[in-house]
Amino acid sequence: MPEHGELIASGRAADVFAYGDGLVLRRYRTLGDTLYEAAVMQYVAEHGYPVPAVVEVSGPEIVMERIDGTPMLDDFARHPWRLFRHARTLAELHRRLHAIPAPPWLRPKVGGGDAVVHLDLHPLNVMVTERGPVVIDWTNAGRGAPDAEIADLWLIMANADIPGGWLERKLLGLSRGLFLRAFLGHVDRDAVRAKLRVAAERRLRDRNIHDTERTRIQRFVERWAT
């Protein structure tokens, strides 16, 4: 692939660079093949789901459409009155994804199931754009149970580290809690609680999870799982 441009974003597993007119290059820091991720994105796009268009893949690199917008988490931080709207949008994005029939080639996730699952469908991976929400980062997608995906989201949103100083962490923690409660109001919470343990087993194997997050997840499951 040609040389990339400036660094746009950096996550726990990959970096995203500008890549020509209207494109970005997502590069993973470990060796791997992005063909699977690209195939999932193209499959859900064929079913009308909002994802960036894939242009090219090569080993640990994938070139895709550049999405002009703001991560839902940042948009909420700037416009807190949109909390309930964003919570509804996130719930609707899960519902739409889980309604897509899962093809047999999808990798089984969180105990398996019959639905397409993203397994990182949280406010950082939803871009708020003029054309509506667009879901990014399909690294962990596969075939699983909808309630298990919601349980995974509950674990992450309730227990992920919050950056910043003490006051910032306190305010963001309160906002995150309000958002999470609003989101969970759109799902069957009892059914989701029944999947917390299987979701936690997967998350605790994730090498990107920090030790403090790992401890909080374990305590959370003991408190809330059925």
Foldseek 3Di string as FASTA:
>chain_A
DDDFAAWDDDDLFWTWTHHPPQKIKIAGPDWAWCPVVLVVQVLVVVVVQFAWHWDDTDTRMTMTGDAPFAQQLVVCVVPVVCLLVVLVVLLVSLVSQQVDFADPPFDADLNFAGTKAQLPSDRRQWGQHPVGTHGDDSPPIGGHDSLLSLLSVCLCLQQPDDDDDPVVRVVSNVSSVVSNVSNCVSDDLLSSLQSNVSSLVVVLPDPSGDPRSNVVSVVVNVVRHD
